[in-house]
């Protein structure tokens, strides 16, 4: 029955009623609408079954689209926050941590190196860095398909993160590329030219960091555990790519540049442990973005990595402090924050593969081992790793990568497929061998690449400041300013 016919019937009905007021046509229209609704409902009950199914399927499709959009929005929000947290680790976190550990005359110089890398690596990343790390599918290095960020936009890259825009994945990985060379500056503090540092770090990023990042995280990379690697190395957030590479390179730089003038006879204590303390706390907080963000989604794996990160940092801080207390009769603030950073370094490759209790164990091992490296091994070999970049990051990253092979469990992250063993606790002890291969490749690549690049840069710009400039301080000689104005 059509609407005009309904209106005609309802009009006749209204004329027969005692009431003839202004609401007649309104009543007619209301009755027509009611009758149309009833007719539609009746039509639905007698409509063919196929139409009913099509309607239901359409609703389910819409619901699925809304759920997917909500998941994508949640994942994207978490990843953008994580990217900001990782950037905070470089500036202000690392800048304050390193800035407080040097002498006062070198405060701005060491902080400036971290800040300069925030700008330099960002530009390099946009030009070729992202493409070299995550473009192509070669075993050693990526391609140039994403050079100048070509093709990097709002659409996800399903090979890496299927629920977030590729631009979000790109900028998140950029923050890792920024902090990695910045860690090296701790070993060369108080004696490296700013010009030499800039050139070396740019070259190191292209020829050391990018190949390692692709080998471990890139599609088809030689060490990639989930995308076709020959030796599947578990590295959830950068034990090999970030910490071993920077720590070993830091040792090579320290040896190449030789000791600071007056070291070790002249005392060179930190000028402000307050700055370092604040920086270490910012590093601890930022590390949640570093590790938990590496789940690349707002999910249970991110929660697991978050918990493991926190537990390892806490147990490592206690382990370092306990070792220091046994030796010196007290626990220092510098020791506690150094231990926490060592624990954060060691749990980085394991964060997405281990539970809370193994994380505590890894933290204890890292705190004790890094303490031994900084206080004993460094004294035996007498190298001048000014801020212990190798003792914490190189050593901590190495032990963390190896212990990942021991404690990784498929119950936490079934990276090799459902029901397949992951690490030693699952009965897959061969994974420790894969981890060892990854560690050795990272060590060798960083050693050889750093030596070659140092020699090249030394010939072009020179690397070390003069004795007079070193004694005056790098703040004045390299930047023409001072960290503290004490004239007043």
Protein backbone atom coordinates (compact mmCIF):
# COMPACT_ATOMS: atom_id res chain seq x y z
CA UNK A 1 0.00 0.00 0.00
CA UNK A 2 1.35 3.46 -0.95
CA UNK A 3 1.67 6.52 1.26
CA UNK A 4 -0.97 8.58 -0.70
CA UNK A 5 -3.47 5.76 -0.21
CA UNK A 6 -2.65 5.68 3.51
CA UNK A 7 -3.18 9.44 3.68
CA UNK A 8 -6.55 9.13 1.92
CA UNK A 9 -7.76 6.40 4.31
CA UNK A 10 -6.58 8.24 7.37
CA UNK A 11 -8.30 11.45 6.15
CA UNK A 12 -11.61 9.68 5.80
CA UNK A 13 -11.17 8.26 9.26
CA UNK A 14 -10.52 11.68 10.71
CA UNK A 15 -13.66 13.15 9.04
CA UNK A 16 -15.81 10.57 10.78
CA UNK A 17 -14.50 11.50 14.21
CA UNK A 18 -16.06 14.28 16.35
CA UNK A 19 -12.84 16.28 16.46
CA UNK A 20 -12.35 18.63 13.46
CA UNK A 21 -9.48 20.82 14.76
CA UNK A 22 -6.18 21.92 13.17
CA UNK A 23 -4.55 18.62 14.02
CA UNK A 24 -6.57 16.69 11.43
CA UNK A 25 -3.87 16.60 8.80
CA UNK A 26 -1.22 16.02 11.40
CA UNK A 27 -3.19 13.07 12.67
CA UNK A 28 -3.61 11.82 9.14
CA UNK A 29 0.13 12.07 8.51
CA UNK A 30 0.95 10.36 11.82
CA UNK A 31 -1.41 7.49 11.04
CA UNK A 32 0.11 7.18 7.59
CA UNK A 33 3.61 6.95 8.99
CA UNK A 34 2.54 4.39 11.59
CA UNK A 35 0.82 2.28 8.95
CA UNK A 36 3.88 2.55 6.66
CA UNK A 37 6.09 1.36 9.49
CA UNK A 38 3.78 -1.54 10.21
CA UNK A 39 3.68 -2.38 6.53
CA UNK A 40 7.48 -2.28 6.35
CA UNK A 41 7.79 -4.52 9.38
CA UNK A 42 5.34 -6.97 7.87
CA UNK A 43 7.18 -6.87 4.56
CA UNK A 44 10.40 -7.75 6.36
CA UNK A 45 8.83 -10.77 7.98
CA UNK A 46 7.66 -12.10 4.66
CA UNK A 47 10.67 -10.96 2.60
CA UNK A 48 12.88 -13.61 1.07
CA UNK A 49 15.51 -15.14 3.34
CA UNK A 50 18.37 -13.92 1.10
CA UNK A 51 17.51 -10.27 1.76
CA UNK A 52 17.58 -10.86 5.52
CA UNK A 53 20.98 -12.52 5.27
CA UNK A 54 22.36 -9.73 3.12
CA UNK A 55 21.30 -7.16 5.69
CA UNK A 56 22.94 -9.09 8.51
CA UNK A 57 26.16 -9.58 6.56
CA UNK A 58 26.23 -5.90 5.73
CA UNK A 59 25.90 -5.01 9.39
CA UNK A 60 28.64 -7.46 10.33
CA UNK A 61 30.90 -5.97 7.68
CA UNK A 62 30.29 -2.49 9.02
CA UNK A 63 30.94 -3.69 12.57
CA UNK A 64 34.18 -5.34 11.48
CA UNK A 65 35.28 -2.13 9.77
CA UNK A 66 34.56 -0.14 12.90
CA UNK A 67 36.48 -2.59 15.10
CA UNK A 68 39.42 -2.50 12.71
CA UNK A 69 39.37 1.29 12.66
CA UNK A 70 39.25 1.41 16.46
CA UNK A 71 42.19 -0.99 16.72
CA UNK A 72 44.16 1.02 14.19
CA UNK A 73 43.44 4.24 16.07
CA UNK A 74 44.50 2.72 19.40
CA UNK A 75 47.68 1.22 17.93
CA UNK A 76 48.54 4.45 16.15
CA UNK A 77 48.07 6.53 19.29
CA UNK A 78 50.29 4.20 21.31
CA UNK A 79 53.00 4.19 18.65
CA UNK A 80 53.06 7.97 18.36
CA UNK A 81 53.41 8.23 22.15
CA UNK A 82 56.15 5.59 22.05
CA UNK A 83 58.01 7.53 19.36
CA UNK A 84 57.90 10.63 21.54
CA UNK A 85 59.16 8.63 24.53
CA UNK A 86 62.12 7.28 22.56
CA UNK A 87 63.01 10.76 21.34
CA UNK A 88 62.86 11.92 24.97
CA UNK A 89 65.55 9.33 25.72
CA UNK A 90 68.03 11.27 23.57
CA UNK A 91 66.99 14.76 24.52
CA UNK A 92 66.66 15.42 27.40
CA UNK A 93 67.40 11.93 28.82
CA UNK A 94 70.82 11.02 27.41
CA UNK A 95 71.88 14.66 27.11
CA UNK A 96 71.33 15.21 30.85
CA UNK A 97 72.77 11.81 31.80
CA UNK A 98 75.99 12.36 29.87
CA UNK A 99 76.01 16.10 30.59
CA UNK A 100 76.22 15.54 34.32
CA UNK A 101 78.96 12.91 34.05
CA UNK A 102 81.52 15.12 32.26
CA UNK A 103 83.48 17.99 33.77
CA UNK A 104 81.76 21.36 33.86
CA UNK A 105 83.81 22.81 30.97
CA UNK A 106 82.50 20.11 28.62
CA UNK A 107 78.81 20.07 29.57
CA UNK A 108 77.36 21.88 26.56
CA UNK A 109 79.66 20.08 24.14
CA UNK A 110 78.42 16.61 25.08
CA UNK A 111 74.80 17.76 25.19
CA UNK A 112 75.18 19.46 21.82
CA UNK A 113 76.30 16.20 20.24
CA UNK A 114 73.04 14.52 21.27
CA UNK A 115 70.99 17.46 20.08
CA UNK A 116 72.83 17.72 16.76
CA UNK A 117 72.12 14.06 16.05
CA UNK A 118 68.41 14.66 16.56
CA UNK A 119 68.57 16.98 13.55
CA UNK A 120 71.25 15.27 11.45
CA UNK A 121 69.87 11.73 11.59
CA UNK A 122 66.34 12.97 10.95
CA UNK A 123 67.41 14.51 7.65
CA UNK A 124 69.49 11.47 6.70
CA UNK A 125 66.57 9.20 7.59
CA UNK A 126 64.25 11.08 5.26
CA UNK A 127 66.75 11.04 2.39
CA UNK A 128 67.98 7.44 2.43
CA UNK A 129 68.08 6.02 5.96
CA UNK A 130 64.59 4.58 6.22
CA UNK A 131 64.86 3.02 2.78
CA UNK A 132 68.24 1.43 3.52
CA UNK A 133 66.88 -0.07 6.76
CA UNK A 134 63.38 -1.16 5.71
CA UNK A 135 63.28 -1.05 1.92
CA UNK A 136 63.84 -4.08 -0.29
CA UNK A 137 64.38 -7.63 0.91
CA UNK A 138 68.12 -8.25 0.54
CA UNK A 139 70.10 -10.12 3.21
CA UNK A 140 72.52 -7.27 4.06
CA UNK A 141 71.02 -3.89 3.19
CA UNK A 142 67.75 -2.42 1.96
CA UNK A 143 67.15 -0.66 -1.33
CA UNK A 144 66.22 2.83 -2.43
CA UNK A 145 62.52 2.29 -3.04
CA UNK A 146 61.63 4.57 -0.12
CA UNK A 147 64.35 7.17 -0.72
CA UNK A 148 63.04 10.67 0.04
CA UNK A 149 60.21 8.80 1.85
CA UNK A 150 58.64 7.86 -1.46
CA UNK A 151 55.55 5.73 -0.88
CA UNK A 152 55.57 6.30 2.89
CA UNK A 153 52.14 7.58 3.87
CA UNK A 154 48.93 6.70 5.66
CA UNK A 155 48.68 3.15 4.34
CA UNK A 156 50.24 0.45 6.55
CA UNK A 157 53.18 -1.68 5.46
CA UNK A 158 51.91 -5.20 6.24
CA UNK A 159 55.45 -6.62 6.34
CA UNK A 160 56.22 -4.64 9.48
CA UNK A 161 53.12 -3.16 11.11
CA UNK A 162 49.75 -3.89 9.56
CA UNK A 163 47.56 -1.73 11.81
CA UNK A 164 49.38 1.62 11.78
CA UNK A 165 50.28 4.04 8.97
CA UNK A 166 53.69 3.41 7.48
CA UNK A 167 54.55 7.02 8.31
CA UNK A 168 54.06 6.20 12.00
CA UNK A 169 56.28 3.12 11.73
CA UNK A 170 58.85 5.22 9.90
CA UNK A 171 59.03 7.97 12.49
CA UNK A 172 59.11 5.45 15.36
CA UNK A 173 62.11 3.67 13.86
CA UNK A 174 63.75 7.05 13.28
CA UNK A 175 63.98 7.60 17.04
CA UNK A 176 66.07 4.43 17.38
CA UNK A 177 68.39 5.65 14.64
CA UNK A 178 68.85 8.94 16.50
CA UNK A 179 69.81 7.58 19.91
CA UNK A 180 72.16 4.82 18.69
CA UNK A 181 75.07 7.01 17.48
CA UNK A 182 74.41 9.38 20.39
CA UNK A 183 75.37 6.58 22.78
CA UNK A 184 78.85 6.45 21.22
CA UNK A 185 79.58 10.02 22.29
CA UNK A 186 79.94 8.84 25.87
CA UNK A 187 83.25 7.14 25.03
CA UNK A 188 84.69 10.09 23.08
CA UNK A 189 83.59 12.75 25.57
CA UNK A 190 85.87 15.70 26.37
CA UNK A 191 88.32 15.20 23.50
CA UNK A 192 86.60 14.81 20.10
CA UNK A 193 86.17 17.67 17.63
CA UNK A 194 82.60 18.66 16.93
CA UNK A 195 83.24 18.72 13.17
CA UNK A 196 84.82 15.28 13.27
CA UNK A 197 82.00 13.97 15.43
CA UNK A 198 79.35 15.22 12.99
CA UNK A 199 80.99 13.67 9.93
CA UNK A 200 81.79 10.39 11.68
CA UNK A 201 78.26 9.94 13.06
CA UNK A 202 76.63 10.56 9.69
CA UNK A 203 78.90 8.04 7.99
CA UNK A 204 78.52 5.57 10.84
CA UNK A 205 74.74 5.78 10.57
CA UNK A 206 74.82 4.98 6.84
CA UNK A 207 77.50 2.27 6.81
CA UNK A 208 77.13 0.58 10.20
CA UNK A 209 73.69 1.21 11.67
CA UNK A 210 71.62 0.89 8.49
CA UNK A 211 73.02 -2.52 7.41
CA UNK A 212 72.69 -3.95 10.94
CA UNK A 213 69.14 -2.64 11.26
CA UNK A 214 68.17 -4.26 7.97
CA UNK A 215 69.91 -7.54 8.77
CA UNK A 216 68.05 -7.89 12.08
CA UNK A 217 64.71 -6.16 11.46
CA UNK A 218 64.38 -5.79 7.68
CA UNK A 219 62.48 -8.17 5.42
CA UNK A 220 64.84 -10.89 4.19
CA UNK A 221 67.61 -9.68 6.49
CA UNK A 222 70.33 -12.22 7.26
CA UNK A 223 69.51 -12.24 10.99
CA UNK A 224 65.77 -11.55 10.85
CA UNK A 225 63.81 -13.97 13.04
CA UNK A 226 60.36 -13.49 11.49
CA UNK A 227 60.88 -12.44 7.88
CA UNK A 228 63.16 -15.03 6.34
CA UNK A 229 66.56 -14.63 8.03
CA UNK A 230 69.29 -17.25 7.59
CA UNK A 231 70.19 -17.11 11.31
CA UNK A 232 67.02 -16.01 13.17
CA UNK A 233 68.34 -13.73 15.92
CA UNK A 234 65.86 -12.60 18.56
CA UNK A 235 66.21 -8.88 19.06
CA UNK A 236 62.94 -7.36 20.15
CA UNK A 237 64.03 -3.74 20.53
CA UNK A 238 67.71 -3.38 19.68
CA UNK A 239 70.19 -5.39 21.75
CA UNK A 240 72.36 -6.03 18.71
CA UNK A 241 71.23 -3.20 16.44
CA UNK A 242 71.44 -0.43 19.04
CA UNK A 243 73.51 -1.40 22.06
CA UNK A 244 76.14 -3.82 20.79
CA UNK A 245 76.79 -1.72 17.68
CA UNK A 246 77.12 1.55 19.63
CA UNK A 247 78.96 0.01 22.58
CA UNK A 248 81.59 -1.78 20.51
CA UNK A 249 82.03 1.27 18.27
CA UNK A 250 82.44 3.37 21.41
CA UNK A 251 85.33 1.15 22.55
CA UNK A 252 87.03 1.45 19.16
CA UNK A 253 86.63 5.24 19.25
CA UNK A 254 88.05 5.45 22.77
CA UNK A 255 91.10 3.42 21.77
CA UNK A 256 91.62 5.34 18.53
CA UNK A 257 91.38 8.77 20.18
CA UNK A 258 93.60 7.68 23.08
CA UNK A 259 93.20 8.81 26.66
CA UNK A 260 92.18 12.25 27.81
CA UNK A 261 95.01 14.48 28.92
CA UNK A 262 95.81 13.61 32.53
CA UNK A 263 93.82 10.36 32.60
CA UNK A 264 93.92 8.36 34.86
CA UNK A 265 96.31 10.24 37.16
CA UNK A 266 94.15 13.35 37.30
CA UNK A 267 90.73 12.91 38.95
CA UNK A 268 87.86 13.56 36.54
CA UNK A 269 84.67 13.14 38.60
CA UNK A 270 81.19 14.02 37.30
CA UNK A 271 80.45 17.69 37.72
CA UNK A 272 76.73 17.24 38.49
CA UNK A 273 75.22 13.94 39.56
CA UNK A 274 71.90 15.76 39.90
CA UNK A 275 71.76 16.22 36.11
CA UNK A 276 72.76 12.60 35.58
CA UNK A 277 70.17 11.41 38.07
CA UNK A 278 67.39 13.29 36.28
CA UNK A 279 68.66 12.02 32.93
CA UNK A 280 68.69 8.40 34.13
CA UNK A 281 65.10 8.69 35.37
CA UNK A 282 64.03 10.09 32.01
CA UNK A 283 65.82 7.22 30.29
CA UNK A 284 63.96 4.71 32.47
CA UNK A 285 60.59 6.23 31.59
CA UNK A 286 61.46 6.65 27.92
CA UNK A 287 62.57 3.03 27.72
CA UNK A 288 58.94 1.92 27.96
CA UNK A 289 58.44 3.45 24.52
CA UNK A 290 61.69 1.85 23.38
CA UNK A 291 60.75 -1.69 24.44
CA UNK A 292 56.98 -1.86 24.85
CA UNK A 293 56.55 0.24 21.72
CA UNK A 294 58.47 -2.39 19.77
CA UNK A 295 55.34 -4.56 19.90
CA UNK A 296 54.14 -2.11 17.21
CA UNK A 297 50.61 -2.35 18.63
CA UNK A 298 48.65 -1.59 21.77
CA UNK A 299 48.25 -5.20 22.82
CA UNK A 300 49.20 -7.85 25.36
CA UNK A 301 52.72 -8.17 24.01
CA UNK A 302 53.29 -4.48 24.65
CA UNK A 303 52.12 -4.98 28.25
CA UNK A 304 54.45 -7.95 28.68
CA UNK A 305 57.42 -5.98 27.33
CA UNK A 306 56.51 -3.03 29.56
CA UNK A 307 56.54 -5.22 32.67
CA UNK A 308 59.77 -7.00 31.72
CA UNK A 309 61.50 -3.66 31.10
CA UNK A 310 60.59 -2.27 34.49
CA UNK A 311 61.48 -5.40 36.42
CA UNK A 312 64.89 -5.78 34.78
CA UNK A 313 65.82 -2.15 35.47
CA UNK A 314 64.88 -2.51 39.13
CA UNK A 315 66.80 -5.76 39.73
CA UNK A 316 69.87 -4.47 37.89
CA UNK A 317 69.95 -1.29 39.97
CA UNK A 318 69.84 -3.42 43.12
CA UNK A 319 72.51 -5.82 41.83
CA UNK A 320 74.94 -3.02 40.97
CA UNK A 321 74.30 -1.30 44.30
CA UNK A 322 74.79 -4.55 46.22
CA UNK A 323 78.10 -5.23 44.46
CA UNK A 324 79.23 -1.69 45.19
CA UNK A 325 78.17 -1.98 48.82
CA UNK A 326 80.14 -5.18 49.25
CA UNK A 327 83.26 -3.58 47.79
CA UNK A 328 83.10 -0.03 49.15
CA UNK A 329 80.79 -0.27 52.14
CA UNK A 330 78.13 1.98 50.59
CA UNK A 331 75.83 2.25 47.58
CA UNK A 332 76.29 5.39 45.49
CA UNK A 333 73.71 7.28 43.45
CA UNK A 334 75.95 6.97 40.38
CA UNK A 335 76.12 3.21 40.85
CA UNK A 336 72.36 2.87 41.23
CA UNK A 337 71.52 4.81 38.08
CA UNK A 338 74.28 3.06 36.14
CA UNK A 339 72.86 -0.29 37.21
CA UNK A 340 69.37 0.68 36.13
CA UNK A 341 70.62 1.68 32.68
CA UNK A 342 72.55 -1.60 32.43
CA UNK A 343 69.37 -3.53 33.20
CA UNK A 344 67.43 -1.56 30.60
CA UNK A 345 70.11 -2.29 28.02
CA UNK A 346 70.18 -6.03 28.75
CA UNK A 347 66.41 -6.50 28.69
CA UNK A 348 66.05 -4.64 25.38
CA UNK A 349 66.52 -7.68 23.10
CA UNK A 350 64.51 -9.92 25.44
CA UNK A 351 61.63 -7.64 26.44
CA UNK A 352 59.10 -9.16 24.05
CA UNK A 353 60.13 -12.77 24.66
CA UNK A 354 60.43 -13.24 28.43
CA UNK A 355 58.15 -13.11 31.46
CA UNK A 356 58.59 -11.02 34.62
CA UNK A 357 60.73 -13.48 36.62
CA UNK A 358 63.25 -14.15 33.82
CA UNK A 359 63.40 -10.36 33.40
CA UNK A 360 64.42 -10.05 37.04
CA UNK A 361 67.14 -12.66 36.50
CA UNK A 362 68.44 -10.91 33.38
CA UNK A 363 68.57 -7.66 35.33
CA UNK A 364 70.63 -9.21 38.13
CA UNK A 365 73.11 -10.68 35.65
CA UNK A 366 73.37 -7.37 33.81
CA UNK A 367 73.88 -5.26 36.92
CA UNK A 368 76.64 -7.50 38.28
CA UNK A 369 78.35 -8.08 34.91
CA UNK A 370 78.39 -4.42 33.85
CA UNK A 371 79.67 -3.39 37.28
CA UNK A 372 82.55 -5.83 36.82
CA UNK A 373 83.26 -4.50 33.32
CA UNK A 374 83.31 -0.88 34.47
CA UNK A 375 85.33 -1.34 37.65
CA UNK A 376 87.62 -4.29 36.89
CA UNK A 377 88.05 -4.89 33.15
CA UNK A 378 88.41 -1.20 32.36
CA UNK A 379 91.11 -0.87 35.03
CA UNK A 380 92.99 -3.93 33.76
CA UNK A 381 93.15 -2.80 30.13
CA UNK A 382 93.38 0.91 30.99
CA UNK A 383 91.25 2.21 28.12
CA UNK A 384 89.58 5.59 28.53
CA UNK A 385 85.90 4.95 27.90
CA UNK A 386 85.01 8.29 29.45
CA UNK A 387 81.36 7.62 30.34
CA UNK A 388 81.43 3.80 30.15
CA UNK A 389 79.49 3.48 26.92
CA UNK A 390 81.16 0.14 26.21
CA UNK A 391 80.98 -1.13 29.78
CA UNK A 392 77.23 -0.57 29.95
CA UNK A 393 75.92 -0.74 26.38
CA UNK A 394 78.42 -3.05 24.69
CA UNK A 395 78.67 -5.46 27.61
CA UNK A 396 75.01 -5.16 28.63
CA UNK A 397 73.77 -5.61 25.07
CA UNK A 398 75.95 -8.70 24.61
CA UNK A 399 74.85 -10.49 27.77
CA UNK A 400 71.25 -9.50 27.15
CA UNK A 401 71.28 -10.90 23.61
CA UNK A 402 72.73 -14.22 24.78
CA UNK A 403 70.34 -14.54 27.72
CA UNK A 404 67.44 -13.85 25.37
CA UNK A 405 68.23 -17.16 23.70
CA UNK A 406 68.05 -18.89 27.08
CA UNK A 407 64.86 -17.37 28.52
CA UNK A 408 62.69 -16.67 25.43
CA UNK A 409 59.38 -18.57 25.51
CA UNK A 410 56.71 -19.16 22.90
CA UNK A 411 54.07 -18.59 25.61
CA UNK A 412 55.14 -14.93 25.59
CA UNK A 413 55.80 -14.54 21.87
CA UNK A 414 55.29 -17.42 19.42
CA UNK A 415 57.49 -15.75 16.84
CA UNK A 416 58.31 -19.03 15.08
CA UNK A 417 54.67 -20.15 14.94
CA UNK A 418 52.11 -21.55 17.37
CA UNK A 419 53.44 -24.44 19.40
CA UNK A 420 57.03 -24.03 18.21
CA UNK A 421 59.80 -23.64 20.80
CA UNK A 422 61.54 -20.29 20.90
CA UNK A 423 64.35 -20.34 23.47
CA UNK A 424 66.21 -22.63 25.81
CA UNK A 425 63.42 -22.75 28.40
CA UNK A 426 61.21 -24.18 25.65
CA UNK A 427 63.84 -26.80 24.84
CA UNK A 428 65.20 -24.97 21.78
CA UNK A 429 68.79 -24.50 22.93
CA UNK A 430 69.94 -24.02 19.35
CA UNK A 431 68.55 -20.51 19.65
CA UNK A 432 71.48 -19.64 21.92
CA UNK A 433 73.71 -20.47 18.96
CA UNK A 434 71.67 -18.20 16.70
CA UNK A 435 72.03 -15.44 19.26
CA UNK A 436 75.79 -15.97 19.36
CA UNK A 437 75.96 -15.65 15.56
CA UNK A 438 74.04 -12.38 15.75
CA UNK A 439 76.31 -11.06 18.50
CA UNK A 440 79.48 -11.95 16.61
CA UNK A 441 78.22 -10.35 13.39
CA UNK A 442 77.23 -7.17 15.26
CA UNK A 443 80.62 -7.07 17.01
CA UNK A 444 82.57 -7.66 13.81
CA UNK A 445 80.55 -5.22 11.74
CA UNK A 446 80.89 -2.47 14.35
CA UNK A 447 84.63 -3.08 14.85
CA UNK A 448 85.64 -3.07 11.20
CA UNK A 449 83.22 -0.35 10.10
CA UNK A 450 84.21 2.00 12.91
CA UNK A 451 87.95 1.62 12.33
CA UNK A 452 87.61 2.35 8.62
CA UNK A 453 85.33 5.35 9.16
CA UNK A 454 87.56 6.83 11.88
CA UNK A 455 90.56 6.75 9.57
CA UNK A 456 88.59 8.40 6.76
CA UNK A 457 87.25 11.18 8.98
CA UNK A 458 90.64 11.71 10.61
CA UNK A 459 92.12 12.40 7.18
CA UNK A 460 89.34 14.82 6.24
CA UNK A 461 88.63 16.89 9.35
CA UNK A 462 90.74 15.42 12.12
CA UNK A 463 89.17 13.85 15.18
CA UNK A 464 90.85 15.03 18.33
CA UNK A 465 91.12 18.57 19.66
CA UNK A 466 94.53 19.97 20.60
CA UNK A 467 95.85 19.69 24.15
CA UNK A 468 95.26 23.43 24.67
CA UNK A 469 91.64 23.15 23.50
CA UNK A 470 91.06 20.11 25.68
CA UNK A 471 92.39 21.88 28.76
CA UNK A 472 90.30 24.97 28.06
CA UNK A 473 87.20 22.84 27.61
CA UNK A 474 85.14 21.94 24.57
CA UNK A 475 82.31 24.29 25.46
CA UNK A 476 84.49 27.32 24.73
CA UNK A 477 86.75 25.91 22.04
CA UNK A 478 84.07 24.11 19.99
CA UNK A 479 80.98 26.23 20.60
CA UNK A 480 82.16 29.56 22.00
CA UNK A 481 79.95 29.45 25.09
CA UNK A 482 79.76 28.10 28.63
CA UNK A 483 77.22 25.91 30.35
CA UNK A 484 77.24 27.97 33.52
CA UNK A 485 77.58 31.73 33.84
CA UNK A 486 79.25 32.21 37.21
CA UNK A 487 80.12 35.92 36.82
CA UNK A 488 77.24 37.01 39.00
